[in-house]
């Protein structure tokens, strides 16, 4: 039994050693930048990097950093007060108690 357990532990360490360095450090991944135009003319400038998104609104100019959340389909970033949820080029921006805005990424 001990030798079987030892084999599993050694195999686990071997697999970790084979993982690429980029997978171990998602924050070092190249950022993806997008500009979203929302209902009412609101613009969002978003930088996706690693497991977070930084959203800057054209209206306030304030940068909001949000960690990635769990989404069944598409993406979700939220800090509890703000959220950016979407799929493909379409997203919904929610800020505080404001009505959610439908947004589309510009190509």
Protein backbone atom coordinates (compact mmCIF):
# COMPACT_ATOMS: atom_id res chain seq x y z
CA UNK A 1 0.00 0.00 0.00
CA UNK A 2 2.83 2.41 0.91
CA UNK A 3 4.60 1.77 -2.40
CA UNK A 4 1.37 2.43 -4.37
CA UNK A 5 0.86 5.73 -2.52
CA UNK A 6 4.51 6.67 -3.09
CA UNK A 7 4.09 5.98 -6.84
CA UNK A 8 1.08 8.29 -7.00
CA UNK A 9 2.94 11.08 -5.19
CA UNK A 10 5.98 10.74 -7.48
CA UNK A 11 3.76 10.74 -10.58
CA UNK A 12 2.04 13.89 -9.31
CA UNK A 13 5.36 15.68 -8.89
CA UNK A 14 6.43 14.58 -12.37
CA UNK A 15 3.29 16.09 -13.93
CA UNK A 16 3.82 19.38 -12.10
CA UNK A 17 7.37 19.56 -13.41
CA UNK A 18 6.10 19.17 -16.99
CA UNK A 19 3.58 22.06 -16.73
CA UNK A 20 4.58 25.05 -18.86
CA UNK A 21 5.77 28.14 -17.01
CA UNK A 22 2.96 30.28 -18.49
CA UNK A 23 0.33 28.01 -16.98
CA UNK A 24 1.89 28.45 -13.56
CA UNK A 25 1.75 32.27 -13.81
CA UNK A 26 -1.43 33.52 -15.53
CA UNK A 27 -0.69 37.11 -14.47
CA UNK A 28 2.28 37.11 -16.85
CA UNK A 29 0.00 36.37 -19.85
CA UNK A 30 -0.15 39.09 -22.51
CA UNK A 31 -3.02 41.52 -21.76
CA UNK A 32 -6.03 41.71 -24.06
CA UNK A 33 -7.47 45.20 -24.53
CA UNK A 34 -11.05 45.91 -25.61
CA UNK A 35 -13.25 48.97 -25.96
CA UNK A 36 -16.96 48.49 -25.34
CA UNK A 37 -19.69 50.88 -26.42
CA UNK A 38 -22.76 50.60 -24.21
CA UNK A 39 -26.37 51.70 -24.38
CA UNK A 40 -26.64 55.45 -23.89
CA UNK A 41 -23.18 56.03 -25.38
CA UNK A 42 -21.18 54.94 -22.31
CA UNK A 43 -17.68 53.65 -23.21
CA UNK A 44 -15.66 51.11 -21.29
CA UNK A 45 -11.96 50.47 -21.75
CA UNK A 46 -11.11 46.99 -20.51
CA UNK A 47 -7.79 45.22 -20.03
CA UNK A 48 -8.09 41.47 -19.44
CA UNK A 49 -4.96 39.97 -17.94
CA UNK A 50 -4.56 36.70 -16.11
CA UNK A 51 -7.58 36.17 -13.91
CA UNK A 52 -8.65 39.80 -13.62
CA UNK A 53 -10.08 42.63 -15.67
CA UNK A 54 -9.45 46.34 -15.23
CA UNK A 55 -12.37 48.46 -16.42
CA UNK A 56 -12.00 52.20 -16.93
CA UNK A 57 -15.12 54.15 -17.78
CA UNK A 58 -14.82 57.13 -20.10
CA UNK A 59 -17.26 58.98 -17.83
CA UNK A 60 -15.29 58.77 -14.56
CA UNK A 61 -11.81 57.79 -15.72
CA UNK A 62 -11.54 55.62 -12.60
CA UNK A 63 -9.94 52.18 -13.03
CA UNK A 64 -11.85 49.32 -11.40
CA UNK A 65 -9.94 46.05 -10.93
CA UNK A 66 -12.16 42.98 -10.70
CA UNK A 67 -11.22 39.33 -10.19
CA UNK A 68 -12.61 36.66 -12.50
CA UNK A 69 -15.75 34.95 -11.23
CA UNK A 70 -17.42 31.67 -12.10
CA UNK A 71 -19.58 31.74 -15.25
CA UNK A 72 -21.43 28.83 -16.80
CA UNK A 73 -20.80 30.29 -20.25
CA UNK A 74 -18.71 33.27 -21.34
CA UNK A 75 -16.95 35.45 -18.78
CA UNK A 76 -17.65 37.18 -15.48
CA UNK A 77 -15.53 39.68 -13.58
CA UNK A 78 -16.87 41.22 -10.39
CA UNK A 79 -15.78 43.00 -7.25
CA UNK A 80 -19.19 42.87 -5.58
CA UNK A 81 -20.15 46.44 -6.56
CA UNK A 82 -19.36 46.23 -10.27
CA UNK A 83 -19.56 43.42 -12.80
CA UNK A 84 -18.72 42.77 -16.41
CA UNK A 85 -20.44 39.67 -17.75
CA UNK A 86 -20.52 38.54 -21.34
CA UNK A 87 -19.85 36.19 -24.18
CA UNK A 88 -18.00 36.97 -27.39
CA UNK A 89 -18.28 40.67 -28.25
CA UNK A 90 -21.40 41.23 -26.12
CA UNK A 91 -21.26 42.18 -22.44
CA UNK A 92 -23.37 43.62 -19.65
CA UNK A 93 -21.84 46.26 -17.37
CA UNK A 94 -23.31 46.79 -13.91
CA UNK A 95 -22.03 49.54 -11.65
CA UNK A 96 -23.37 49.91 -8.14
CA UNK A 97 -27.14 50.07 -8.04
CA UNK A 98 -27.39 51.41 -11.61
CA UNK A 99 -29.40 49.67 -14.30
CA UNK A 100 -27.26 47.12 -16.22
CA UNK A 101 -26.00 48.39 -19.58
CA UNK A 102 -25.79 46.25 -22.72
CA UNK A 103 -22.42 46.74 -24.38
CA UNK A 104 -20.65 45.62 -27.57
CA UNK A 105 -16.89 45.44 -28.20
CA UNK A 106 -15.60 47.48 -31.10
CA UNK A 107 -13.43 45.62 -33.60
